[in-house]
């Protein structure tokens, strides 16, 4: 299970770096915007896969009650709200959305009928995923030092929340095909 936990830990950090990169872009072209969405989709997909692997391992055992002894890791609601505001402001300022949203004929089926729907979906869920990655990392630290019922329950709950809630809502807002020619060229992007 150690390898799965290490992979999950790396994937969580990669996602946060990508989100920081996305927020730092002042005015991306449509191709850069596609690449941003692709990078987020790729990193979130890796979290999804890693989290499912860890959850599969955890589900093999009886998950302790969350009231078990041990530290409970709380979300930093203020940090999440500030990130949400910064991300929403940045995404709303991008002029590239119009060309991208026009490509998504299926989007209204997913509740993404307008540019504002895309922006709201991403600005709601991406900061919550960001905050959950920090909670998950803290639970991973607690597990590595001294596993407790609460740390196992907390990790399981946080992973469930990311995998079966936030990712299900955010994935439909991200599948823009990237500009393949620019994927390996963009020096400022988090290409890994």
C-alpha atoms as a PDB file:
ATOM      1  CA  UNK A   1       0.000   0.000   0.000  1.00  0.00           C
ATOM      2  CA  UNK A   2       3.001   2.275   0.502  1.00  0.00           C
ATOM      3  CA  UNK A   3       3.492   2.690  -3.259  1.00  0.00           C
ATOM      4  CA  UNK A   4      -0.165   3.662  -3.742  1.00  0.00           C
ATOM      5  CA  UNK A   5       0.079   6.237  -0.938  1.00  0.00           C
ATOM      6  CA  UNK A   6       3.276   7.722  -2.417  1.00  0.00           C
ATOM      7  CA  UNK A   7       1.680   7.953  -5.860  1.00  0.00           C
ATOM      8  CA  UNK A   8      -1.421   9.601  -4.388  1.00  0.00           C
ATOM      9  CA  UNK A   9       0.737  12.080  -2.477  1.00  0.00           C
ATOM     10  CA  UNK A  10       2.646  13.021  -5.659  1.00  0.00           C
ATOM     11  CA  UNK A  11      -0.577  13.371  -7.658  1.00  0.00           C
ATOM     12  CA  UNK A  12      -2.081  15.714  -5.036  1.00  0.00           C
ATOM     13  CA  UNK A  13       0.927  18.030  -5.230  1.00  0.00           C
ATOM     14  CA  UNK A  14       0.944  18.004  -9.042  1.00  0.00           C
ATOM     15  CA  UNK A  15      -2.704  19.093  -9.099  1.00  0.00           C
ATOM     16  CA  UNK A  16      -2.057  22.028  -6.765  1.00  0.00           C
ATOM     17  CA  UNK A  17       0.914  23.156  -8.881  1.00  0.00           C
ATOM     18  CA  UNK A  18      -1.223  23.001 -12.023  1.00  0.00           C
ATOM     19  CA  UNK A  19      -4.023  24.992 -10.389  1.00  0.00           C
ATOM     20  CA  UNK A  20      -1.500  27.636  -9.261  1.00  0.00           C
ATOM     21  CA  UNK A  21      -0.197  27.795 -12.849  1.00  0.00           C
ATOM     22  CA  UNK A  22      -3.734  28.199 -14.224  1.00  0.00           C
ATOM     23  CA  UNK A  23      -4.483  31.038 -11.802  1.00  0.00           C
ATOM     24  CA  UNK A  24      -1.216  32.763 -12.760  1.00  0.00           C
ATOM     25  CA  UNK A  25      -2.077  32.968 -16.486  1.00  0.00           C
ATOM     26  CA  UNK A  26      -3.249  36.506 -17.236  1.00  0.00           C
ATOM     27  CA  UNK A  27      -4.968  36.056 -20.606  1.00  0.00           C
ATOM     28  CA  UNK A  28      -4.422  32.712 -22.325  1.00  0.00           C
ATOM     29  CA  UNK A  29      -5.089  32.190 -25.991  1.00  0.00           C
ATOM     30  CA  UNK A  30      -7.746  29.609 -26.902  1.00  0.00           C
ATOM     31  CA  UNK A  31      -4.962  27.027 -27.396  1.00  0.00           C
ATOM     32  CA  UNK A  32      -3.427  27.851 -24.004  1.00  0.00           C
ATOM     33  CA  UNK A  33      -6.881  27.680 -22.439  1.00  0.00           C
ATOM     34  CA  UNK A  34      -7.417  24.217 -23.929  1.00  0.00           C
ATOM     35  CA  UNK A  35      -4.037  23.172 -22.572  1.00  0.00           C
ATOM     36  CA  UNK A  36      -4.938  24.474 -19.098  1.00  0.00           C
ATOM     37  CA  UNK A  37      -8.111  22.408 -19.098  1.00  0.00           C
ATOM     38  CA  UNK A  38      -6.210  19.389 -20.407  1.00  0.00           C
ATOM     39  CA  UNK A  39      -3.543  19.696 -17.692  1.00  0.00           C
ATOM     40  CA  UNK A  40      -6.220  19.950 -14.995  1.00  0.00           C
ATOM     41  CA  UNK A  41      -8.103  16.994 -16.461  1.00  0.00           C
ATOM     42  CA  UNK A  42      -4.919  14.922 -16.596  1.00  0.00           C
ATOM     43  CA  UNK A  43      -3.901  15.747 -13.018  1.00  0.00           C
ATOM     44  CA  UNK A  44      -7.404  15.196 -11.661  1.00  0.00           C
ATOM     45  CA  UNK A  45      -7.627  11.898 -13.537  1.00  0.00           C
ATOM     46  CA  UNK A  46      -4.409  10.787 -11.853  1.00  0.00           C
ATOM     47  CA  UNK A  47      -5.841  11.734  -8.446  1.00  0.00           C
ATOM     48  CA  UNK A  48      -8.980   9.809  -9.351  1.00  0.00           C
ATOM     49  CA  UNK A  49      -6.998   6.689 -10.251  1.00  0.00           C
ATOM     50  CA  UNK A  50      -4.663   6.895  -7.241  1.00  0.00           C
ATOM     51  CA  UNK A  51      -7.530   7.585  -4.844  1.00  0.00           C
ATOM     52  CA  UNK A  52      -9.489   4.611  -6.160  1.00  0.00           C
ATOM     53  CA  UNK A  53      -6.459   2.372  -5.634  1.00  0.00           C
ATOM     54  CA  UNK A  54      -6.096   3.566  -2.037  1.00  0.00           C
ATOM     55  CA  UNK A  55      -9.830   3.312  -1.391  1.00  0.00           C
ATOM     56  CA  UNK A  56      -9.835  -0.236  -2.735  1.00  0.00           C
ATOM     57  CA  UNK A  57      -7.167  -1.109  -0.166  1.00  0.00           C
ATOM     58  CA  UNK A  58      -9.005   0.686   2.637  1.00  0.00           C
ATOM     59  CA  UNK A  59     -12.329  -0.946   1.763  1.00  0.00           C
ATOM     60  CA  UNK A  60     -10.736  -4.365   2.292  1.00  0.00           C
ATOM     61  CA  UNK A  61     -10.642  -3.530   5.962  1.00  0.00           C
ATOM     62  CA  UNK A  62     -13.431  -2.313   8.184  1.00  0.00           C
ATOM     63  CA  UNK A  63     -13.174   1.461   8.154  1.00  0.00           C
ATOM     64  CA  UNK A  64     -13.222   2.761  11.718  1.00  0.00           C
ATOM     65  CA  UNK A  65     -15.872   5.153  12.892  1.00  0.00           C
ATOM     66  CA  UNK A  66     -14.920   8.794  12.366  1.00  0.00           C
ATOM     67  CA  UNK A  67     -15.449   9.306  16.114  1.00  0.00           C
ATOM     68  CA  UNK A  68     -12.490   7.067  16.823  1.00  0.00           C
ATOM     69  CA  UNK A  69      -9.568   8.585  18.688  1.00  0.00           C
ATOM     70  CA  UNK A  70      -7.062  10.694  16.811  1.00  0.00           C
ATOM     71  CA  UNK A  71      -6.700  14.066  15.121  1.00  0.00           C
ATOM     72  CA  UNK A  72      -9.548  15.365  12.964  1.00  0.00           C
ATOM     73  CA  UNK A  73      -8.249  17.473  10.083  1.00  0.00           C
ATOM     74  CA  UNK A  74     -10.480  20.416   9.301  1.00  0.00           C
ATOM     75  CA  UNK A  75     -10.667  22.304   6.039  1.00  0.00           C
ATOM     76  CA  UNK A  76      -9.437  25.878   6.015  1.00  0.00           C
ATOM     77  CA  UNK A  77     -12.664  27.475   4.813  1.00  0.00           C
ATOM     78  CA  UNK A  78     -11.064  30.931   4.581  1.00  0.00           C
ATOM     79  CA  UNK A  79      -8.225  29.689   2.371  1.00  0.00           C
ATOM     80  CA  UNK A  80     -10.726  27.839   0.165  1.00  0.00           C
ATOM     81  CA  UNK A  81     -12.934  30.932  -0.164  1.00  0.00           C
ATOM     82  CA  UNK A  82      -9.959  33.112  -1.102  1.00  0.00           C
ATOM     83  CA  UNK A  83      -8.811  30.595  -3.708  1.00  0.00           C
ATOM     84  CA  UNK A  84     -12.351  30.363  -5.080  1.00  0.00           C
ATOM     85  CA  UNK A  85     -12.545  34.149  -5.469  1.00  0.00           C
ATOM     86  CA  UNK A  86      -9.113  34.355  -7.156  1.00  0.00           C
ATOM     87  CA  UNK A  87      -9.930  31.476  -9.510  1.00  0.00           C
ATOM     88  CA  UNK A  88     -13.397  32.786 -10.379  1.00  0.00           C
ATOM     89  CA  UNK A  89     -12.003  36.276 -11.093  1.00  0.00           C
ATOM     90  CA  UNK A  90      -9.212  34.827 -13.244  1.00  0.00           C
ATOM     91  CA  UNK A  91     -11.509  32.507 -15.214  1.00  0.00           C
ATOM     92  CA  UNK A  92     -14.080  35.257 -15.773  1.00  0.00           C
ATOM     93  CA  UNK A  93     -11.359  37.507 -17.184  1.00  0.00           C
ATOM     94  CA  UNK A  94     -10.323  34.980 -19.823  1.00  0.00           C
ATOM     95  CA  UNK A  95     -11.609  35.823 -23.281  1.00  0.00           C
ATOM     96  CA  UNK A  96     -10.797  32.343 -24.607  1.00  0.00           C
ATOM     97  CA  UNK A  97     -13.937  30.736 -23.163  1.00  0.00           C
ATOM     98  CA  UNK A  98     -16.224  31.739 -26.000  1.00  0.00           C
ATOM     99  CA  UNK A  99     -14.356  29.727 -28.600  1.00  0.00           C
ATOM    100  CA  UNK A 100     -14.020  26.726 -26.283  1.00  0.00           C
ATOM    101  CA  UNK A 101     -17.586  26.587 -25.052  1.00  0.00           C
ATOM    102  CA  UNK A 102     -18.834  26.744 -28.641  1.00  0.00           C
ATOM    103  CA  UNK A 103     -17.004  23.428 -29.239  1.00  0.00           C
ATOM    104  CA  UNK A 104     -19.006  21.656 -26.560  1.00  0.00           C
ATOM    105  CA  UNK A 105     -22.287  20.688 -28.176  1.00  0.00           C
ATOM    106  CA  UNK A 106     -22.969  18.194 -25.337  1.00  0.00           C
ATOM    107  CA  UNK A 107     -22.310  20.722 -22.563  1.00  0.00           C
ATOM    108  CA  UNK A 108     -25.929  21.659 -21.865  1.00  0.00           C
ATOM    109  CA  UNK A 109     -26.668  18.006 -21.055  1.00  0.00           C
ATOM    110  CA  UNK A 110     -24.105  18.326 -18.239  1.00  0.00           C
ATOM    111  CA  UNK A 111     -25.682  21.578 -17.007  1.00  0.00           C
ATOM    112  CA  UNK A 112     -23.025  23.684 -18.707  1.00  0.00           C
ATOM    113  CA  UNK A 113     -25.122  25.814 -21.025  1.00  0.00           C
ATOM    114  CA  UNK A 114     -23.102  29.039 -20.773  1.00  0.00           C
ATOM    115  CA  UNK A 115     -19.619  30.338 -20.143  1.00  0.00           C
ATOM    116  CA  UNK A 116     -20.742  31.320 -16.651  1.00  0.00           C
ATOM    117  CA  UNK A 117     -21.804  27.704 -16.014  1.00  0.00           C
ATOM    118  CA  UNK A 118     -18.286  26.495 -16.882  1.00  0.00           C
ATOM    119  CA  UNK A 119     -16.678  29.188 -14.726  1.00  0.00           C
ATOM    120  CA  UNK A 120     -18.979  28.482 -11.778  1.00  0.00           C
ATOM    121  CA  UNK A 121     -18.479  24.723 -11.997  1.00  0.00           C
ATOM    122  CA  UNK A 122     -14.696  25.046 -12.048  1.00  0.00           C
ATOM    123  CA  UNK A 123     -14.519  27.808  -9.445  1.00  0.00           C
ATOM    124  CA  UNK A 124     -16.746  25.861  -7.056  1.00  0.00           C
ATOM    125  CA  UNK A 125     -15.132  22.434  -7.281  1.00  0.00           C
ATOM    126  CA  UNK A 126     -11.435  23.074  -8.051  1.00  0.00           C
ATOM    127  CA  UNK A 127     -10.823  25.037  -4.799  1.00  0.00           C
ATOM    128  CA  UNK A 128     -12.705  22.392  -2.804  1.00  0.00           C
ATOM    129  CA  UNK A 129     -10.559  19.679  -4.384  1.00  0.00           C
ATOM    130  CA  UNK A 130      -7.487  21.798  -3.590  1.00  0.00           C
ATOM    131  CA  UNK A 131      -8.495  22.003   0.064  1.00  0.00           C
ATOM    132  CA  UNK A 132      -9.292  18.281   0.200  1.00  0.00           C
ATOM    133  CA  UNK A 133      -5.823  17.483  -1.191  1.00  0.00           C
ATOM    134  CA  UNK A 134      -4.319  19.284   1.801  1.00  0.00           C
ATOM    135  CA  UNK A 135      -6.546  17.361   4.223  1.00  0.00           C
ATOM    136  CA  UNK A 136      -5.672  14.072   2.511  1.00  0.00           C
ATOM    137  CA  UNK A 137      -1.964  14.852   2.748  1.00  0.00           C
ATOM    138  CA  UNK A 138      -2.326  15.586   6.475  1.00  0.00           C
ATOM    139  CA  UNK A 139      -4.114  12.270   7.000  1.00  0.00           C
ATOM    140  CA  UNK A 140      -1.348  10.524   5.050  1.00  0.00           C
ATOM    141  CA  UNK A 141       1.213  12.137   7.397  1.00  0.00           C
ATOM    142  CA  UNK A 142      -0.771  11.027  10.438  1.00  0.00           C
ATOM    143  CA  UNK A 143      -0.998   7.492   9.081  1.00  0.00           C
ATOM    144  CA  UNK A 144       2.737   7.352   8.492  1.00  0.00           C
ATOM    145  CA  UNK A 145       3.530   8.422  12.064  1.00  0.00           C
ATOM    146  CA  UNK A 146       0.890   6.608  14.086  1.00  0.00           C
ATOM    147  CA  UNK A 147      -2.179   5.153  12.394  1.00  0.00           C
ATOM    148  CA  UNK A 148      -5.384   5.771  14.317  1.00  0.00           C
ATOM    149  CA  UNK A 149      -8.983   4.921  13.626  1.00  0.00           C
ATOM    150  CA  UNK A 150      -9.722   8.574  13.014  1.00  0.00           C
ATOM    151  CA  UNK A 151      -6.880   9.032  10.510  1.00  0.00           C
ATOM    152  CA  UNK A 152      -8.045   5.996   8.517  1.00  0.00           C
ATOM    153  CA  UNK A 153     -11.682   7.149   8.678  1.00  0.00           C
ATOM    154  CA  UNK A 154     -10.705  10.724   7.809  1.00  0.00           C
ATOM    155  CA  UNK A 155      -8.614   9.630   4.835  1.00  0.00           C
ATOM    156  CA  UNK A 156     -11.399   7.377   3.591  1.00  0.00           C
ATOM    157  CA  UNK A 157     -14.017  10.122   3.937  1.00  0.00           C
ATOM    158  CA  UNK A 158     -11.845  12.756   2.220  1.00  0.00           C
ATOM    159  CA  UNK A 159     -11.014  10.414  -0.678  1.00  0.00           C
ATOM    160  CA  UNK A 160     -14.674   9.424  -1.046  1.00  0.00           C
ATOM    161  CA  UNK A 161     -15.637  13.095  -1.136  1.00  0.00           C
ATOM    162  CA  UNK A 162     -13.134  13.951  -3.864  1.00  0.00           C
ATOM    163  CA  UNK A 163     -13.699  10.847  -6.003  1.00  0.00           C
ATOM    164  CA  UNK A 164     -17.460  10.439  -5.779  1.00  0.00           C
ATOM    165  CA  UNK A 165     -18.502  14.074  -5.526  1.00  0.00           C
ATOM    166  CA  UNK A 166     -16.189  16.811  -6.803  1.00  0.00           C
ATOM    167  CA  UNK A 167     -14.539  14.936  -9.657  1.00  0.00           C
ATOM    168  CA  UNK A 168     -17.914  13.795 -10.988  1.00  0.00           C
ATOM    169  CA  UNK A 169     -18.997  17.421 -11.279  1.00  0.00           C
ATOM    170  CA  UNK A 170     -15.763  18.912 -12.598  1.00  0.00           C
ATOM    171  CA  UNK A 171     -14.835  16.348 -15.273  1.00  0.00           C
ATOM    172  CA  UNK A 172     -17.580  17.451 -17.724  1.00  0.00           C
ATOM    173  CA  UNK A 173     -16.255  21.026 -17.604  1.00  0.00           C
ATOM    174  CA  UNK A 174     -12.694  20.070 -18.591  1.00  0.00           C
ATOM    175  CA  UNK A 175     -12.537  17.763 -21.652  1.00  0.00           C
ATOM    176  CA  UNK A 176     -11.183  20.226 -24.183  1.00  0.00           C
ATOM    177  CA  UNK A 177      -8.773  18.673 -26.636  1.00  0.00           C
ATOM    178  CA  UNK A 178      -5.384  20.333 -26.235  1.00  0.00           C
ATOM    179  CA  UNK A 179      -3.346  21.932 -28.953  1.00  0.00           C
ATOM    180  CA  UNK A 180      -1.111  18.890 -29.417  1.00  0.00           C
ATOM    181  CA  UNK A 181       1.671  20.954 -30.958  1.00  0.00           C
ATOM    182  CA  UNK A 182       1.904  23.167 -27.893  1.00  0.00           C
ATOM    183  CA  UNK A 183       1.736  20.443 -25.237  1.00  0.00           C
ATOM    184  CA  UNK A 184       5.444  19.804 -25.039  1.00  0.00           C
ATOM    185  CA  UNK A 185       6.522  23.314 -25.986  1.00  0.00           C
ATOM    186  CA  UNK A 186       4.931  25.614 -23.437  1.00  0.00           C
ATOM    187  CA  UNK A 187       7.790  26.586 -21.119  1.00  0.00           C
ATOM    188  CA  UNK A 188       5.648  28.057 -18.348  1.00  0.00           C
ATOM    189  CA  UNK A 189       3.236  25.123 -18.088  1.00  0.00           C
ATOM    190  CA  UNK A 190       3.493  22.299 -15.606  1.00  0.00           C
ATOM    191  CA  UNK A 191       4.216  19.649 -18.238  1.00  0.00           C
ATOM    192  CA  UNK A 192       5.510  16.615 -16.360  1.00  0.00           C
END
